Each structure stands twice: as structure tokens, then as C-alpha cells.
Amino acid sequence: MNNVTEIVALFRQQAELEFRILAGRVDAVATEREWESTRRRLIVHPEALRAVLETAGALQRSPDAVPVRDVTAFGGSH
């Protein structure tokens, strides 16, 4: 479940960074670097990543809007 928790948190961070880049609220270069770092961290736990994405698809939500408890209830990675 720790990996799922981390993946959900990273998806939320990624969504926030994308919003900040698109809104022009911060230094885009620094934010884009942070976004790239977040993307690299997402692929470290492929099972948890897949579980979150599958749950998001089943619930018709974006991955950053899926609670950890829904991933684990759906049979996601631990």
C-alpha cells in the first residue's frame, strides 16, 4: 500500500505542476524540471502505477483524483 500511496501522491503533484506551468504562475523551467523528476519517480513502482491507472480507468477518474483506499479496494498493488 505504501507504493500506491506514493504513486497517488506523485500523480497529484504532477497535476499541480502541470497546472502551474500552464497557468504561468512560476518559473516554468524549474517547474518543468520538477515535473520531469516526478515522472521518473512514477515509473519506479510499475505494479502500483498500473493499479492506480487501472482503478482510475474503472472509476472514470483522472489518476490524481483516485483515493488510495479505492485502489486497494479495487484489488490494487500493495
N, C-alpha and C. Protein backbone atom coordinates (compact mmCIF):
# COMPACT_ATOMS: atom_id res chain seq x y z
N MET A 1 0.82 -1.19 0.00
CA MET A 1 0.00 0.00 0.00
C MET A 1 0.87 1.26 0.00
N ASN A 2 2.07 1.19 0.57
CA ASN A 2 2.94 2.35 0.58
C ASN A 2 3.27 2.82 -0.83
N ASN A 3 3.51 1.87 -1.74
CA ASN A 3 3.80 2.24 -3.12
C ASN A 3 2.60 2.91 -3.77
N VAL A 4 1.41 2.41 -3.50
CA VAL A 4 0.19 3.01 -4.04
C VAL A 4 0.03 4.42 -3.49
N THR A 5 0.27 4.59 -2.21
CA THR A 5 0.18 5.91 -1.59
C THR A 5 1.15 6.88 -2.26
N GLU A 6 2.37 6.42 -2.50
CA GLU A 6 3.37 7.28 -3.15
C GLU A 6 2.96 7.62 -4.58
N ILE A 7 2.46 6.64 -5.32
CA ILE A 7 2.06 6.88 -6.71
C ILE A 7 0.90 7.88 -6.77
N VAL A 8 -0.09 7.73 -5.91
CA VAL A 8 -1.21 8.67 -5.89
C VAL A 8 -0.71 10.07 -5.55
N ALA A 9 0.18 10.18 -4.58
CA ALA A 9 0.74 11.49 -4.22
C ALA A 9 1.52 12.08 -5.39
N LEU A 10 2.26 11.25 -6.10
CA LEU A 10 3.02 11.75 -7.26
C LEU A 10 2.10 12.21 -8.39
N PHE A 11 1.01 11.49 -8.61
CA PHE A 11 0.05 11.93 -9.62
C PHE A 11 -0.55 13.29 -9.24
N ARG A 12 -0.84 13.47 -7.96
CA ARG A 12 -1.37 14.76 -7.51
C ARG A 12 -0.35 15.88 -7.67
N GLN A 13 0.91 15.56 -7.35
CA GLN A 13 1.98 16.54 -7.52
C GLN A 13 2.15 16.88 -9.00
N GLN A 14 2.10 15.87 -9.84
CA GLN A 14 2.25 16.10 -11.28
C GLN A 14 1.13 16.99 -11.80
N ALA A 15 -0.10 16.74 -11.38
CA ALA A 15 -1.23 17.56 -11.82
C ALA A 15 -1.05 19.01 -11.38
N GLU A 16 -0.59 19.21 -10.15
CA GLU A 16 -0.36 20.56 -9.65
C GLU A 16 0.74 21.26 -10.45
N LEU A 17 1.80 20.55 -10.75
CA LEU A 17 2.90 21.14 -11.53
C LEU A 17 2.44 21.49 -12.94
N GLU A 18 1.66 20.61 -13.55
CA GLU A 18 1.14 20.90 -14.89
C GLU A 18 0.27 22.15 -14.87
N PHE A 19 -0.56 22.26 -13.84
CA PHE A 19 -1.40 23.44 -13.71
C PHE A 19 -0.56 24.71 -13.58
N ARG A 20 0.47 24.63 -12.74
CA ARG A 20 1.33 25.81 -12.53
C ARG A 20 2.06 26.20 -13.80
N ILE A 21 2.52 25.20 -14.56
CA ILE A 21 3.20 25.51 -15.83
C ILE A 21 2.23 26.17 -16.80
N LEU A 22 1.06 25.58 -16.95
CA LEU A 22 0.08 26.11 -17.91
C LEU A 22 -0.46 27.48 -17.49
N ALA A 23 -0.55 27.71 -16.20
CA ALA A 23 -1.08 28.98 -15.70
C ALA A 23 -0.01 30.07 -15.71
N GLY A 24 1.24 29.68 -15.95
CA GLY A 24 2.32 30.66 -15.97
C GLY A 24 2.57 31.29 -14.62
N ARG A 25 2.33 30.56 -13.56
CA ARG A 25 2.44 31.12 -12.21
C ARG A 25 3.85 31.11 -11.64
N VAL A 26 4.71 30.29 -12.17
CA VAL A 26 6.06 30.16 -11.60
C VAL A 26 7.09 30.09 -12.71
N ASP A 27 8.32 30.00 -12.30
CA ASP A 27 9.41 29.80 -13.24
C ASP A 27 9.18 28.47 -13.96
N ALA A 28 8.83 28.54 -15.21
CA ALA A 28 8.46 27.35 -15.98
C ALA A 28 9.61 26.35 -16.09
N VAL A 29 10.83 26.82 -16.21
CA VAL A 29 11.96 25.91 -16.35
C VAL A 29 12.15 25.08 -15.08
N ALA A 30 12.15 25.71 -13.93
CA ALA A 30 12.32 24.99 -12.67
C ALA A 30 11.14 24.05 -12.43
N THR A 31 9.95 24.49 -12.74
CA THR A 31 8.77 23.66 -12.54
C THR A 31 8.79 22.47 -13.49
N GLU A 32 9.24 22.69 -14.71
CA GLU A 32 9.32 21.58 -15.65
C GLU A 32 10.35 20.55 -15.21
N ARG A 33 11.44 21.00 -14.64
CA ARG A 33 12.43 20.06 -14.10
C ARG A 33 11.82 19.21 -12.98
N GLU A 34 11.08 19.86 -12.12
CA GLU A 34 10.41 19.14 -11.03
C GLU A 34 9.38 18.16 -11.59
N TRP A 35 8.67 18.57 -12.63
CA TRP A 35 7.70 17.71 -13.29
C TRP A 35 8.39 16.46 -13.87
N GLU A 36 9.53 16.66 -14.53
CA GLU A 36 10.29 15.53 -15.09
C GLU A 36 10.76 14.59 -13.99
N SER A 37 11.20 15.14 -12.88
CA SER A 37 11.62 14.33 -11.74
C SER A 37 10.45 13.50 -11.21
N THR A 38 9.29 14.10 -11.14
CA THR A 38 8.09 13.40 -10.68
C THR A 38 7.76 12.25 -11.63
N ARG A 39 7.85 12.49 -12.92
CA ARG A 39 7.58 11.45 -13.92
C ARG A 39 8.55 10.27 -13.75
N ARG A 40 9.81 10.57 -13.50
CA ARG A 40 10.80 9.50 -13.30
C ARG A 40 10.47 8.68 -12.05
N ARG A 41 10.00 9.35 -11.00
CA ARG A 41 9.66 8.64 -9.77
C ARG A 41 8.43 7.76 -9.93
N LEU A 42 7.53 8.15 -10.84
CA LEU A 42 6.32 7.35 -11.07
C LEU A 42 6.64 5.95 -11.60
N ILE A 43 7.65 5.84 -12.44
CA ILE A 43 7.93 4.55 -13.07
C ILE A 43 8.74 3.60 -12.19
N VAL A 44 9.12 4.05 -11.01
CA VAL A 44 9.90 3.21 -10.11
C VAL A 44 9.07 2.04 -9.57
N HIS A 45 7.77 2.22 -9.45
CA HIS A 45 6.87 1.20 -8.90
C HIS A 45 5.83 0.82 -9.96
N PRO A 46 6.21 0.00 -10.94
CA PRO A 46 5.30 -0.29 -12.06
C PRO A 46 3.99 -0.97 -11.65
N GLU A 47 4.02 -1.85 -10.64
CA GLU A 47 2.78 -2.51 -10.22
C GLU A 47 1.80 -1.51 -9.61
N ALA A 48 2.30 -0.65 -8.75
CA ALA A 48 1.44 0.36 -8.12
C ALA A 48 0.94 1.35 -9.17
N LEU A 49 1.81 1.73 -10.09
CA LEU A 49 1.42 2.64 -11.17
C LEU A 49 0.28 2.03 -11.97
N ARG A 50 0.44 0.77 -12.35
CA ARG A 50 -0.60 0.09 -13.12
C ARG A 50 -1.90 -0.01 -12.33
N ALA A 51 -1.81 -0.31 -11.04
CA ALA A 51 -3.01 -0.43 -10.20
C ALA A 51 -3.76 0.89 -10.12
N VAL A 52 -3.04 1.98 -9.96
CA VAL A 52 -3.69 3.30 -9.90
C VAL A 52 -4.33 3.64 -11.24
N LEU A 53 -3.63 3.39 -12.33
CA LEU A 53 -4.17 3.69 -13.66
C LEU A 53 -5.39 2.82 -13.98
N GLU A 54 -5.34 1.55 -13.62
CA GLU A 54 -6.49 0.67 -13.85
C GLU A 54 -7.70 1.10 -13.02
N THR A 55 -7.45 1.46 -11.78
CA THR A 55 -8.54 1.91 -10.91
C THR A 55 -9.13 3.22 -11.44
N ALA A 56 -8.28 4.13 -11.85
CA ALA A 56 -8.76 5.40 -12.41
C ALA A 56 -9.62 5.15 -13.64
N GLY A 57 -9.19 4.24 -14.49
CA GLY A 57 -9.97 3.91 -15.68
C GLY A 57 -11.31 3.30 -15.33
N ALA A 58 -11.31 2.38 -14.38
CA ALA A 58 -12.55 1.72 -13.97
C ALA A 58 -13.53 2.70 -13.34
N LEU A 59 -12.99 3.66 -12.61
CA LEU A 59 -13.84 4.66 -11.93
C LEU A 59 -14.11 5.89 -12.79
N GLN A 60 -13.51 5.91 -13.97
CA GLN A 60 -13.63 7.03 -14.90
C GLN A 60 -13.22 8.35 -14.24
N ARG A 61 -12.05 8.31 -13.63
CA ARG A 61 -11.46 9.48 -12.98
C ARG A 61 -10.04 9.66 -13.47
N SER A 62 -9.50 10.84 -13.26
CA SER A 62 -8.09 11.03 -13.56
C SER A 62 -7.29 10.39 -12.42
N PRO A 63 -6.07 9.92 -12.70
CA PRO A 63 -5.29 9.24 -11.66
C PRO A 63 -5.06 10.07 -10.40
N ASP A 64 -4.97 11.39 -10.53
CA ASP A 64 -4.73 12.22 -9.36
C ASP A 64 -5.98 12.36 -8.49
N ALA A 65 -7.13 11.90 -8.98
CA ALA A 65 -8.38 12.01 -8.23
C ALA A 65 -8.82 10.68 -7.61
N VAL A 66 -7.95 9.68 -7.65
CA VAL A 66 -8.28 8.37 -7.12
C VAL A 66 -7.72 8.21 -5.71
N PRO A 67 -8.59 8.01 -4.72
CA PRO A 67 -8.09 7.79 -3.36
C PRO A 67 -7.38 6.44 -3.24
N VAL A 68 -6.41 6.36 -2.37
CA VAL A 68 -5.66 5.13 -2.14
C VAL A 68 -6.59 4.00 -1.75
N ARG A 69 -7.58 4.29 -0.92
CA ARG A 69 -8.49 3.23 -0.47
C ARG A 69 -9.26 2.61 -1.65
N ASP A 70 -9.55 3.41 -2.69
CA ASP A 70 -10.23 2.85 -3.86
C ASP A 70 -9.30 1.92 -4.64
N VAL A 71 -8.03 2.26 -4.70
CA VAL A 71 -7.07 1.40 -5.39
C VAL A 71 -6.94 0.07 -4.68
N THR A 72 -6.81 0.11 -3.36
CA THR A 72 -6.66 -1.13 -2.61
C THR A 72 -7.98 -1.94 -2.61
N ALA A 73 -9.12 -1.26 -2.57
CA ALA A 73 -10.40 -1.95 -2.63
C ALA A 73 -10.64 -2.59 -3.98
N PHE A 74 -10.11 -1.98 -5.02
CA PHE A 74 -10.25 -2.47 -6.39
C PHE A 74 -9.32 -3.65 -6.63
N GLY A 75 -8.45 -3.92 -5.67
CA GLY A 75 -7.52 -5.05 -5.80
C GLY A 75 -6.15 -4.63 -6.26
N GLY A 76 -5.82 -3.37 -5.98
CA GLY A 76 -4.54 -2.82 -6.44
C GLY A 76 -3.35 -3.36 -5.71
N SER A 77 -2.19 -2.90 -6.14
CA SER A 77 -0.89 -3.32 -5.61
C SER A 77 -0.73 -2.89 -4.17
N HIS A 78 0.09 -3.62 -3.46
CA HIS A 78 0.38 -3.27 -2.04
C HIS A 78 1.74 -2.68 -1.91
